[in-house]
Amino acid sequence: MGYASLDDLVERAGEAEIRQVADRDRDGTPDPEVIAAALAAADQTVDGYLAVRFAMPLSTVPPLVRKWATSIARYQLHRSGAPDHVVRDYRDALGELRDAAAGRIALPGVDGLNPAGTASGGTLAEGSPPVFTRDRLEGFL
């Protein structure tokens, strides 16, 4: 399941821009493989950030995740350098993804924390007891 679609890109950027950056064979329509590659790259980026906190794949796609994926895919389509407003949207999306991964942004409707993490975002580790404890170092402190 993808987080964004061609329709999302057209709604955000306009048909003219998407045709300009995704019509590589100059036939007047966005190339499906170019769009698919940009959307797949956006999905991978979103997954890469959110997998540290949420069970993947996401059970539902909140509008916020769709917005992030659309901004990332749009940036990916501008292979010759994106305009400033597209770069700004891309950087904002990455920043918000970092915040979501850290638990500073809630994603309503998304199921639970990733089992590898804790509620505080830390990692659970098991091993032998510590060698250097306050009791064992008595007299050295």
N, C-alpha and C. Protein backbone atom coordinates (compact mmCIF):
# COMPACT_ATOMS: atom_id res chain seq x y z
N MET A 1 0.84 -1.17 0.00
CA MET A 1 0.00 0.00 0.00
C MET A 1 0.89 1.23 0.00
N GLY A 2 0.70 2.11 -0.96
CA GLY A 2 1.47 3.34 -1.02
C GLY A 2 0.85 4.42 -0.17
N TYR A 3 1.67 5.35 0.25
CA TYR A 3 1.19 6.44 1.09
C TYR A 3 0.63 7.60 0.29
N ALA A 4 1.06 7.74 -0.96
CA ALA A 4 0.60 8.83 -1.81
C ALA A 4 0.37 8.28 -3.22
N SER A 5 -0.28 9.09 -4.05
CA SER A 5 -0.60 8.66 -5.41
C SER A 5 -0.33 9.81 -6.38
N LEU A 6 -0.47 9.51 -7.65
CA LEU A 6 -0.35 10.53 -8.69
C LEU A 6 -1.38 11.63 -8.44
N ASP A 7 -2.59 11.26 -8.06
CA ASP A 7 -3.63 12.26 -7.78
C ASP A 7 -3.20 13.20 -6.66
N ASP A 8 -2.54 12.65 -5.63
CA ASP A 8 -2.05 13.49 -4.53
C ASP A 8 -0.99 14.48 -5.03
N LEU A 9 -0.10 14.00 -5.89
CA LEU A 9 0.94 14.86 -6.46
C LEU A 9 0.31 15.99 -7.29
N VAL A 10 -0.66 15.64 -8.12
CA VAL A 10 -1.32 16.64 -8.96
C VAL A 10 -2.08 17.64 -8.11
N GLU A 11 -2.74 17.15 -7.06
CA GLU A 11 -3.47 18.06 -6.17
C GLU A 11 -2.54 19.04 -5.48
N ARG A 12 -1.37 18.58 -5.07
CA ARG A 12 -0.42 19.43 -4.33
C ARG A 12 0.36 20.36 -5.25
N ALA A 13 0.80 19.85 -6.40
CA ALA A 13 1.71 20.61 -7.26
C ALA A 13 1.06 21.18 -8.51
N GLY A 14 -0.02 20.61 -8.91
CA GLY A 14 -0.65 21.01 -10.16
C GLY A 14 -0.24 20.10 -11.30
N GLU A 15 -1.14 19.95 -12.22
CA GLU A 15 -0.90 19.03 -13.35
C GLU A 15 0.28 19.48 -14.21
N ALA A 16 0.41 20.78 -14.42
CA ALA A 16 1.49 21.29 -15.28
C ALA A 16 2.86 20.95 -14.71
N GLU A 17 3.05 21.14 -13.40
CA GLU A 17 4.35 20.85 -12.80
C GLU A 17 4.66 19.35 -12.87
N ILE A 18 3.69 18.53 -12.56
CA ILE A 18 3.94 17.08 -12.57
C ILE A 18 4.24 16.61 -13.98
N ARG A 19 3.53 17.13 -14.95
CA ARG A 19 3.82 16.76 -16.34
C ARG A 19 5.23 17.22 -16.72
N GLN A 20 5.62 18.41 -16.29
CA GLN A 20 6.95 18.94 -16.62
C GLN A 20 8.07 18.08 -16.05
N VAL A 21 7.93 17.60 -14.82
CA VAL A 21 9.02 16.87 -14.17
C VAL A 21 8.95 15.36 -14.36
N ALA A 22 7.79 14.84 -14.79
CA ALA A 22 7.64 13.39 -14.89
C ALA A 22 7.40 12.89 -16.30
N ASP A 23 7.33 13.78 -17.28
CA ASP A 23 7.15 13.36 -18.67
C ASP A 23 8.51 13.31 -19.35
N ARG A 24 9.23 12.24 -19.11
CA ARG A 24 10.59 12.13 -19.62
C ARG A 24 10.64 11.77 -21.10
N ASP A 25 9.57 11.15 -21.61
CA ASP A 25 9.56 10.79 -23.04
C ASP A 25 8.84 11.83 -23.89
N ARG A 26 8.42 12.93 -23.28
CA ARG A 26 7.82 14.08 -23.96
C ARG A 26 6.58 13.72 -24.81
N ASP A 27 5.72 12.86 -24.24
CA ASP A 27 4.49 12.53 -24.96
C ASP A 27 3.28 13.27 -24.40
N GLY A 28 3.50 14.17 -23.43
CA GLY A 28 2.43 14.98 -22.89
C GLY A 28 1.78 14.43 -21.63
N THR A 29 2.20 13.24 -21.17
CA THR A 29 1.65 12.67 -19.94
C THR A 29 2.79 12.23 -19.03
N PRO A 30 2.56 12.30 -17.72
CA PRO A 30 3.59 11.83 -16.79
C PRO A 30 3.88 10.34 -17.02
N ASP A 31 5.13 9.97 -17.03
CA ASP A 31 5.51 8.57 -17.24
C ASP A 31 5.21 7.76 -15.98
N PRO A 32 4.42 6.70 -16.12
CA PRO A 32 4.03 5.91 -14.94
C PRO A 32 5.22 5.37 -14.15
N GLU A 33 6.29 4.94 -14.84
CA GLU A 33 7.44 4.39 -14.12
C GLU A 33 8.19 5.46 -13.35
N VAL A 34 8.19 6.69 -13.84
CA VAL A 34 8.85 7.80 -13.15
C VAL A 34 8.06 8.15 -11.89
N ILE A 35 6.75 8.22 -12.02
CA ILE A 35 5.88 8.49 -10.86
C ILE A 35 6.01 7.37 -9.84
N ALA A 36 5.98 6.12 -10.31
CA ALA A 36 6.07 4.96 -9.41
C ALA A 36 7.39 4.97 -8.65
N ALA A 37 8.48 5.31 -9.31
CA ALA A 37 9.79 5.35 -8.65
C ALA A 37 9.83 6.43 -7.58
N ALA A 38 9.29 7.61 -7.86
CA ALA A 38 9.28 8.69 -6.88
C ALA A 38 8.39 8.33 -5.69
N LEU A 39 7.25 7.74 -5.95
CA LEU A 39 6.35 7.35 -4.87
C LEU A 39 6.96 6.23 -4.02
N ALA A 40 7.65 5.29 -4.66
CA ALA A 40 8.31 4.20 -3.92
C ALA A 40 9.44 4.75 -3.05
N ALA A 41 10.20 5.69 -3.56
CA ALA A 41 11.27 6.31 -2.77
C ALA A 41 10.69 7.05 -1.57
N ALA A 42 9.56 7.72 -1.78
CA ALA A 42 8.90 8.42 -0.67
C ALA A 42 8.41 7.41 0.38
N ASP A 43 7.81 6.31 -0.06
CA ASP A 43 7.34 5.28 0.88
C ASP A 43 8.50 4.73 1.70
N GLN A 44 9.61 4.48 1.04
CA GLN A 44 10.78 3.94 1.75
C GLN A 44 11.31 4.93 2.78
N THR A 45 11.31 6.20 2.43
CA THR A 45 11.77 7.23 3.37
C THR A 45 10.84 7.30 4.58
N VAL A 46 9.54 7.33 4.33
CA VAL A 46 8.57 7.37 5.43
C VAL A 46 8.73 6.14 6.31
N ASP A 47 8.81 4.97 5.69
CA ASP A 47 8.98 3.72 6.46
C ASP A 47 10.27 3.75 7.28
N GLY A 48 11.33 4.26 6.69
CA GLY A 48 12.61 4.31 7.38
C GLY A 48 12.55 5.13 8.66
N TYR A 49 11.83 6.22 8.62
CA TYR A 49 11.70 7.04 9.82
C TYR A 49 10.72 6.44 10.82
N LEU A 50 9.55 6.02 10.35
CA LEU A 50 8.49 5.59 11.27
C LEU A 50 8.69 4.19 11.84
N ALA A 51 9.48 3.36 11.18
CA ALA A 51 9.66 1.98 11.65
C ALA A 51 10.33 1.91 13.02
N VAL A 52 11.03 2.95 13.43
CA VAL A 52 11.67 2.92 14.74
C VAL A 52 10.65 3.07 15.86
N ARG A 53 9.46 3.53 15.54
CA ARG A 53 8.45 3.77 16.57
C ARG A 53 7.15 3.00 16.35
N PHE A 54 6.80 2.74 15.12
CA PHE A 54 5.50 2.15 14.82
C PHE A 54 5.64 0.79 14.15
N ALA A 55 4.65 -0.06 14.38
CA ALA A 55 4.60 -1.35 13.71
C ALA A 55 4.35 -1.10 12.22
N MET A 56 5.12 -1.73 11.40
CA MET A 56 5.02 -1.53 9.95
C MET A 56 4.47 -2.79 9.31
N PRO A 57 3.76 -2.75 8.23
CA PRO A 57 3.32 -1.53 7.55
C PRO A 57 2.22 -0.84 8.35
N LEU A 58 2.05 0.44 8.12
CA LEU A 58 1.01 1.18 8.83
C LEU A 58 -0.35 0.60 8.48
N SER A 59 -1.20 0.43 9.48
CA SER A 59 -2.52 -0.15 9.25
C SER A 59 -3.44 0.81 8.52
N THR A 60 -3.27 2.09 8.76
CA THR A 60 -4.02 3.13 8.05
C THR A 60 -3.02 4.21 7.65
N VAL A 61 -3.40 5.02 6.68
CA VAL A 61 -2.53 6.10 6.23
C VAL A 61 -3.18 7.43 6.64
N PRO A 62 -2.70 8.00 7.74
CA PRO A 62 -3.24 9.30 8.15
C PRO A 62 -2.92 10.38 7.11
N PRO A 63 -3.75 11.41 7.04
CA PRO A 63 -3.50 12.50 6.08
C PRO A 63 -2.12 13.11 6.23
N LEU A 64 -1.59 13.16 7.43
CA LEU A 64 -0.26 13.73 7.65
C LEU A 64 0.82 12.89 6.96
N VAL A 65 0.70 11.58 7.01
CA VAL A 65 1.66 10.70 6.35
C VAL A 65 1.55 10.86 4.83
N ARG A 66 0.31 10.99 4.33
CA ARG A 66 0.11 11.21 2.90
C ARG A 66 0.77 12.51 2.46
N LYS A 67 0.64 13.56 3.28
CA LYS A 67 1.27 14.85 2.96
C LYS A 67 2.79 14.72 2.90
N TRP A 68 3.37 14.02 3.88
CA TRP A 68 4.82 13.84 3.89
C TRP A 68 5.28 13.08 2.66
N ALA A 69 4.60 11.99 2.34
CA ALA A 69 4.98 11.18 1.18
C ALA A 69 4.85 11.97 -0.11
N THR A 70 3.82 12.78 -0.21
CA THR A 70 3.62 13.61 -1.41
C THR A 70 4.76 14.62 -1.55
N SER A 71 5.12 15.28 -0.45
CA SER A 71 6.21 16.27 -0.50
C SER A 71 7.53 15.62 -0.88
N ILE A 72 7.78 14.43 -0.34
CA ILE A 72 9.04 13.72 -0.64
C ILE A 72 9.06 13.26 -2.10
N ALA A 73 7.96 12.71 -2.58
CA ALA A 73 7.89 12.25 -3.97
C ALA A 73 8.04 13.43 -4.93
N ARG A 74 7.41 14.54 -4.62
CA ARG A 74 7.52 15.73 -5.46
C ARG A 74 8.96 16.19 -5.55
N TYR A 75 9.65 16.19 -4.44
CA TYR A 75 11.07 16.56 -4.43
C TYR A 75 11.88 15.58 -5.29
N GLN A 76 11.58 14.30 -5.17
CA GLN A 76 12.30 13.27 -5.94
C GLN A 76 12.13 13.48 -7.45
N LEU A 77 10.97 13.96 -7.86
CA LEU A 77 10.71 14.16 -9.28
C LEU A 77 11.55 15.29 -9.89
N HIS A 78 11.94 16.23 -9.08
CA HIS A 78 12.75 17.36 -9.56
C HIS A 78 14.21 16.96 -9.58
N ARG A 79 14.59 16.15 -10.52
CA ARG A 79 15.95 15.62 -10.56
C ARG A 79 17.00 16.65 -10.96
N SER A 80 16.60 17.74 -11.57
CA SER A 80 17.56 18.78 -11.98
C SER A 80 17.63 19.92 -10.99
N GLY A 81 17.10 19.72 -9.81
CA GLY A 81 17.09 20.76 -8.80
C GLY A 81 15.70 21.30 -8.60
N ALA A 82 15.22 21.19 -7.40
CA ALA A 82 13.86 21.61 -7.08
C ALA A 82 13.82 23.09 -6.72
N PRO A 83 12.69 23.74 -6.99
CA PRO A 83 12.52 25.13 -6.56
C PRO A 83 12.55 25.21 -5.03
N ASP A 84 12.81 26.39 -4.52
CA ASP A 84 12.95 26.58 -3.07
C ASP A 84 11.73 26.09 -2.29
N HIS A 85 10.53 26.37 -2.78
CA HIS A 85 9.33 25.97 -2.03
C HIS A 85 9.18 24.45 -1.98
N VAL A 86 9.64 23.75 -3.00
CA VAL A 86 9.60 22.28 -3.00
C VAL A 86 10.64 21.73 -2.03
N VAL A 87 11.83 22.33 -2.02
CA VAL A 87 12.87 21.93 -1.08
C VAL A 87 12.41 22.18 0.36
N ARG A 88 11.76 23.30 0.59
CA ARG A 88 11.27 23.63 1.92
C ARG A 88 10.22 22.60 2.38
N ASP A 89 9.29 22.24 1.49
CA ASP A 89 8.29 21.21 1.82
C ASP A 89 8.96 19.88 2.14
N TYR A 90 9.97 19.52 1.36
CA TYR A 90 10.71 18.27 1.57
C TYR A 90 11.39 18.27 2.94
N ARG A 91 12.09 19.35 3.24
CA ARG A 91 12.79 19.44 4.53
C ARG A 91 11.80 19.46 5.70
N ASP A 92 10.69 20.14 5.52
CA ASP A 92 9.65 20.14 6.56
C ASP A 92 9.12 18.73 6.79
N ALA A 93 8.90 17.99 5.70
CA ALA A 93 8.40 16.61 5.82
C ALA A 93 9.39 15.74 6.58
N LEU A 94 10.68 15.87 6.26
CA LEU A 94 11.70 15.08 6.97
C LEU A 94 11.76 15.46 8.44
N GLY A 95 11.66 16.73 8.75
CA GLY A 95 11.67 17.18 10.13
C GLY A 95 10.47 16.64 10.91
N GLU A 96 9.31 16.68 10.28
CA GLU A 96 8.12 16.16 10.94
C GLU A 96 8.18 14.64 11.09
N LEU A 97 8.78 13.97 10.13
CA LEU A 97 8.98 12.52 10.26
C LEU A 97 9.89 12.21 11.44
N ARG A 98 10.95 13.00 11.61
CA ARG A 98 11.83 12.83 12.78
C ARG A 98 11.05 13.02 14.07
N ASP A 99 10.20 14.04 14.09
CA ASP A 99 9.38 14.30 15.27
C ASP A 99 8.42 13.15 15.54
N ALA A 100 7.82 12.60 14.51
CA ALA A 100 6.90 11.47 14.69
C ALA A 100 7.66 10.26 15.21
N ALA A 101 8.84 10.02 14.68
CA ALA A 101 9.65 8.88 15.13
C ALA A 101 10.07 9.04 16.58
N ALA A 102 10.26 10.27 17.02
CA ALA A 102 10.67 10.54 18.40
C ALA A 102 9.48 10.65 19.35
N GLY A 103 8.26 10.59 18.81
CA GLY A 103 7.08 10.65 19.65
C GLY A 103 6.58 12.06 19.92
N ARG A 104 7.11 13.06 19.23
CA ARG A 104 6.68 14.44 19.43
C ARG A 104 5.47 14.80 18.57
N ILE A 105 5.17 13.97 17.57
CA ILE A 105 3.97 14.14 16.74
C ILE A 105 3.19 12.84 16.82
N ALA A 106 1.92 12.94 17.17
CA ALA A 106 1.05 11.77 17.23
C ALA A 106 0.48 11.48 15.85
N LEU A 107 0.29 10.21 15.56
CA LEU A 107 -0.33 9.80 14.31
C LEU A 107 -1.63 9.06 14.65
N PRO A 108 -2.74 9.79 14.72
CA PRO A 108 -4.01 9.17 15.07
C PRO A 108 -4.36 8.04 14.09
N GLY A 109 -4.81 6.93 14.65
CA GLY A 109 -5.21 5.79 13.84
C GLY A 109 -4.09 4.83 13.51
N VAL A 110 -2.86 5.14 13.89
CA VAL A 110 -1.73 4.26 13.62
C VAL A 110 -1.53 3.37 14.84
N ASP A 111 -1.38 2.07 14.60
CA ASP A 111 -1.26 1.10 15.68
C ASP A 111 0.12 1.11 16.30
N GLY A 112 0.10 1.12 17.62
CA GLY A 112 1.17 0.87 18.54
C GLY A 112 2.61 1.12 18.19
N LEU A 113 3.38 1.03 19.24
CA LEU A 113 4.82 1.17 19.12
C LEU A 113 5.43 -0.09 18.54
N ASN A 114 6.53 0.10 17.91
CA ASN A 114 7.32 -1.03 17.40
C ASN A 114 7.75 -1.86 18.60
N PRO A 115 7.61 -3.18 18.56
CA PRO A 115 7.97 -4.01 19.70
C PRO A 115 9.43 -3.86 20.13
N ALA A 116 10.31 -3.41 19.27
CA ALA A 116 11.72 -3.28 19.63
C ALA A 116 11.98 -2.07 20.50
N GLY A 117 11.04 -1.13 20.57
CA GLY A 117 11.25 0.08 21.36
C GLY A 117 10.43 0.07 22.62
N THR A 118 10.68 1.03 23.46
CA THR A 118 9.91 1.20 24.68
C THR A 118 9.08 2.46 24.53
N ALA A 119 8.22 2.72 25.50
CA ALA A 119 7.38 3.91 25.45
C ALA A 119 8.21 5.18 25.44
N SER A 120 9.39 5.15 26.00
CA SER A 120 10.24 6.33 26.01
C SER A 120 11.08 6.45 24.75
N GLY A 121 10.96 5.47 23.85
CA GLY A 121 11.73 5.52 22.62
C GLY A 121 13.09 4.87 22.74
N GLY A 122 13.43 4.35 23.92
CA GLY A 122 14.74 3.72 24.11
C GLY A 122 14.74 2.29 23.60
N THR A 123 15.84 1.62 23.80
CA THR A 123 15.99 0.25 23.35
C THR A 123 16.16 -0.65 24.56
N LEU A 124 15.49 -1.79 24.51
CA LEU A 124 15.63 -2.75 25.59
C LEU A 124 16.88 -3.58 25.36
N ALA A 125 17.67 -3.76 26.41
CA ALA A 125 18.88 -4.56 26.29
C ALA A 125 18.98 -5.49 27.49
N GLU A 126 19.36 -6.70 27.22
CA GLU A 126 19.57 -7.67 28.29
C GLU A 126 21.00 -8.15 28.23
N GLY A 127 21.54 -8.48 29.38
CA GLY A 127 22.91 -8.96 29.43
C GLY A 127 23.30 -9.26 30.85
N SER A 128 24.56 -9.50 31.06
CA SER A 128 25.04 -9.81 32.41
C SER A 128 25.00 -8.54 33.26
N PRO A 129 24.97 -8.73 34.59
CA PRO A 129 24.92 -7.56 35.47
C PRO A 129 26.18 -6.71 35.31
N PRO A 130 26.09 -5.42 35.63
CA PRO A 130 27.25 -4.54 35.49
C PRO A 130 28.40 -4.95 36.41
N VAL A 131 29.60 -4.79 35.92
CA VAL A 131 30.79 -5.13 36.69
C VAL A 131 31.10 -4.03 37.69
N PHE A 132 30.99 -2.82 37.27
CA PHE A 132 31.33 -1.70 38.14
C PHE A 132 30.05 -1.10 38.72
N THR A 133 29.78 -1.39 39.97
CA THR A 133 28.63 -0.81 40.66
C THR A 133 29.13 0.00 41.84
N ARG A 134 28.25 0.78 42.41
CA ARG A 134 28.63 1.60 43.56
C ARG A 134 29.15 0.73 44.70
N ASP A 135 28.50 -0.43 44.93
CA ASP A 135 28.94 -1.31 46.02
C ASP A 135 30.32 -1.89 45.75
N ARG A 136 30.60 -2.30 44.53
CA ARG A 136 31.89 -2.92 44.20
C ARG A 136 33.03 -1.92 44.16
N LEU A 137 32.69 -0.66 43.97
CA LEU A 137 33.73 0.37 43.89
C LEU A 137 33.89 1.14 45.21
N GLU A 138 33.30 0.61 46.27
CA GLU A 138 33.39 1.27 47.56
C GLU A 138 34.87 1.45 47.93
N GLY A 139 35.20 2.63 48.34
CA GLY A 139 36.57 2.95 48.70
C GLY A 139 37.34 3.58 47.55
N PHE A 140 36.87 3.42 46.31
CA PHE A 140 37.52 4.04 45.15
C PHE A 140 36.87 5.35 44.77
N LEU A 141 35.68 5.58 45.29
CA LEU A 141 34.96 6.80 44.92
C LEU A 141 35.28 7.95 45.81
